[in-house]
Amino acid sequence: MTRNLGEILAWKYPDGGFVVQDDGNGPNIKAWTRKDAKPSAAQIEAWATAYAAHQRRLAILRELAELDIQSIRAVRAKQAGNATEQDDARLASIESQAQALRQEMCSINESLA
Protein backbone atom coordinates (compact mmCIF):
# COMPACT_ATOMS: atom_id res chain seq x y z
CA MET A 1 0.00 0.00 0.00
CA THR A 2 0.90 3.62 -0.31
CA ARG A 3 3.04 5.02 2.51
CA ASN A 4 0.74 8.04 2.96
CA LEU A 5 -2.43 5.95 2.97
CA GLY A 6 -3.91 7.81 5.94
CA GLU A 7 -3.51 11.18 4.21
CA ILE A 8 -5.02 9.88 0.98
CA LEU A 9 -8.04 8.38 2.74
CA ALA A 10 -8.51 11.53 4.84
CA TRP A 11 -8.44 13.56 1.61
CA LYS A 12 -10.93 11.25 -0.08
CA TYR A 13 -13.12 10.75 3.02
CA PRO A 14 -12.74 13.86 5.20
CA ASP A 15 -15.54 12.68 7.50
CA GLY A 16 -13.53 9.58 8.48
CA GLY A 17 -14.92 6.10 8.97
CA PHE A 18 -11.63 4.24 8.78
CA VAL A 19 -8.52 3.46 10.79
CA VAL A 20 -5.09 3.16 9.19
CA GLN A 21 -2.33 1.29 10.97
CA ASP A 22 1.25 0.41 10.11
CA ASP A 23 2.02 -3.10 11.33
CA GLY A 24 5.63 -2.92 10.20
CA ASN A 25 4.88 -3.80 6.59
CA GLY A 26 3.57 -0.37 5.67
CA PRO A 27 0.22 1.24 6.36
CA ASN A 28 -3.00 -0.68 5.81
CA ILE A 29 -6.67 -0.19 6.54
CA LYS A 30 -7.18 -1.66 10.01
CA ALA A 31 -10.90 -0.81 10.30
CA TRP A 32 -13.54 0.35 7.81
CA THR A 33 -16.86 1.58 9.21
CA ARG A 34 -18.12 3.46 6.17
CA LYS A 35 -21.25 2.34 4.36
CA ASP A 36 -19.51 2.33 0.98
CA ALA A 37 -17.20 -0.51 0.05
CA LYS A 38 -13.63 -0.60 1.28
CA PRO A 39 -11.43 0.66 -1.58
CA SER A 40 -9.30 -1.72 -3.58
CA ALA A 41 -5.55 -1.36 -3.92
CA ALA A 42 -6.07 -0.15 -7.50
CA GLN A 43 -8.47 2.56 -6.33
CA ILE A 44 -6.05 3.67 -3.65
CA GLU A 45 -3.20 3.85 -6.16
CA ALA A 46 -5.34 5.99 -8.48
CA TRP A 47 -6.25 8.23 -5.56
CA ALA A 48 -2.57 8.43 -4.59
CA THR A 49 -1.76 9.82 -8.03
CA ALA A 50 -4.59 12.36 -7.80
CA TYR A 51 -3.59 13.26 -4.23
CA ALA A 52 0.02 13.88 -5.26
CA ALA A 53 -1.19 16.12 -8.10
CA HIS A 54 -3.48 17.97 -5.66
CA GLN A 55 -0.57 18.51 -3.27
CA ARG A 56 1.67 19.78 -6.08
CA ARG A 57 -1.06 22.17 -7.26
CA LEU A 58 -1.30 23.58 -3.73
CA ALA A 59 2.48 23.98 -3.62
CA ILE A 60 2.44 25.77 -6.99
CA LEU A 61 -0.24 28.17 -5.75
CA ARG A 62 1.89 28.94 -2.67
CA GLU A 63 4.94 29.50 -4.87
CA LEU A 64 2.98 31.82 -7.18
CA ALA A 65 1.74 33.82 -4.20
CA GLU A 66 5.31 34.11 -2.92
CA LEU A 67 6.48 35.33 -6.33
CA ASP A 68 3.75 37.97 -6.29
CA ILE A 69 4.99 39.18 -2.92
CA GLN A 70 8.58 39.24 -4.17
CA SER A 71 7.60 41.44 -7.11
CA ILE A 72 5.86 44.17 -5.12
CA ARG A 73 8.85 46.47 -4.56
CA ALA A 74 9.98 46.35 -8.19
CA VAL A 75 6.44 46.94 -9.48
CA ARG A 76 6.05 49.89 -7.12
CA ALA A 77 9.34 51.34 -8.40
CA LYS A 78 8.15 50.96 -12.01
CA GLN A 79 4.83 52.58 -11.15
CA ALA A 80 6.63 55.50 -9.51
CA GLY A 81 8.87 55.87 -12.55
CA ASN A 82 12.14 55.19 -10.76
CA ALA A 83 12.75 51.51 -11.56
CA THR A 84 16.32 50.40 -12.10
CA GLU A 85 17.69 47.78 -14.47
CA GLN A 86 17.83 45.48 -11.45
CA ASP A 87 14.09 45.98 -10.91
CA ASP A 88 13.39 45.12 -14.54
CA ALA A 89 15.66 42.06 -14.34
CA ARG A 90 14.02 40.96 -11.10
CA LEU A 91 10.53 41.25 -12.60
CA ALA A 92 11.61 39.36 -15.71
CA SER A 93 13.07 36.58 -13.56
CA ILE A 94 9.95 36.39 -11.41
CA GLU A 95 7.69 36.30 -14.47
CA SER A 96 9.78 33.53 -16.01
CA GLN A 97 9.44 31.48 -12.83
CA ALA A 98 5.70 32.17 -12.68
CA GLN A 99 5.22 31.14 -16.31
CA ALA A 100 7.01 27.85 -15.66
CA LEU A 101 4.82 27.19 -12.62
CA ARG A 102 1.62 28.04 -14.52
CA GLN A 103 2.69 25.68 -17.32
CA GLU A 104 3.34 22.93 -14.78
CA MET A 105 -0.12 23.55 -13.31
CA CYS A 106 -1.69 23.21 -16.77
CA SER A 107 0.21 19.98 -17.38
CA ILE A 108 -1.00 18.56 -14.07
CA ASN A 109 -4.58 19.53 -14.84
CA GLU A 110 -4.37 17.99 -18.33
CA SER A 111 -2.91 14.75 -16.98
CA LEU A 112 -5.85 14.38 -14.60
CA ALA A 113 -8.53 15.26 -17.14
Foldseek 3Di string as FASTA:
>chain_A
DDQVLVVLVCVVPVVDQWDWDDPPPHIDTPGGRDPDDDDDPVVSVVSVLVVVLVVLLVVLVVVLVVLVVVLVVLVVCVVVVNHDVVSVVSVVVSVVVNVVSVVVNVVSVVVVD
